Amino acid sequence: MQAFLVAFALAASLLAPARASLAAAAITSQEWSLYKDKFLDPAGRIVDNANGGISHSEGQGYGLLLSYLAGNRGDFDRIWAFTRTEMMVRDDGLAAWKWDPAAKPHISDTNNASDGDLLIAYGLALAGEAWHRPDLTQAATGMAMALAAGSLEKVGDLVLLKPGNSGFAAGDRPDGPVVNPSYWVFEALPVMAELAPDGPWNELAANGRTLLASSMKIGPSELPPDWVSLKAQPAVADGFPQEFSYNALRIPLYLLRAGIHDRDLLAPFLSQMPDDQGRVRIVDIATGQTRQLLADSGYRIIPALVSCVIESKPLAGDLKAFQPTDYYPSTLQLLALAYARRHHPECL
């Protein structure tokens, strides 16, 4: 509970009016320029260049958050305009998860992705408060209410975040409910609670930490799988790779950004996530063995940032220098650098 209150206070500080001045932006203009030149289409969509050039609600949400942290209102508005007109096509106020430039129509699957919706609503809320934009705050409030109404599921005593409104609930599949622990964007949840106070956001945040801790007990590495069945005891969900992989590797970054410095939760990410050269391991949950090593700076910065916050080890020089590669690691690197600048400048 104490760590959650810290996270709530951190989120409240993010919404403070004092932040309306972004003279000292958390992301530099040079970093944002490099990022947008590679990933921001003129129409306002963030392009996942390693995934067939598609766009998705996750990327649009990250784009809103990063452009806000860079203080670039014009790019923020472009990203939001594309998101609003091209992806907010559902009748429940949430975004379709995928926009494919090669498909006709561009949206062929209207299911949502709750992490993308959380990120979009969070970015809108931050910008609406800091820039005195009630239109953005209103849009964020609508999404927060829609998430509370359709994406949260009560299972026994737990409030869970469905990865999508369709296909993951207890009645949707034999091993349901299925969750993705990395979809808990912890820093966003207190903000959602301010926007839609009738939703069970506090319970969702607490249950997310409980779920994460139990998911880390599934395999010998103590790293959580990307997809978890909660039909009985937590287990790797059917039909998904039995891996700690690209989804779950962002969890420690989300914990840090939310002000959650719980050593019991963070320790395995420090000891098991990187190899002896700092590369991030894709791990077989059943055996604990390495399946792949990720050497991109955007991945390596995550366990390195945990090490800095927990063990006071500054980041290596190459991790502090932003050179965009692929959409996903480049996004994670900017989020990590922004957090370090705001909250742990000693890491830099």
Foldseek 3Di string as FASTA:
>chain_A
DVQLVLLLVLLVVLLDLVCLDCPPFLFEPVLVVLLCVVAADPQQFGFQVVPQRKGFLQRLLLQLQLCVSHVPVVSNVSSVVCQVPPFQPDPLLFGQTIAQPVDVVRRPGRWHFLLSLLSQLQSLSSCCSSNVNVVSLVSSLSSLVSQLVQQWDDDPNAIEGQRTSAQQAPPRDVLDNKDFLLSCLPSSLSVSCVSPVVGPSVRHNVVSVVVLQQQLPAADLSQHDRMWGVSDRTDHDPPDAQKPDDRRLCVLVSCVSSSNLPCSNCVSCQVLQADPVQWGFIARRHHRDGPDTHDDLLSSVRSVLNCCVVVVAADDPVNQDQRDDGNRSSSSSSSSSSSCVVPPVSND
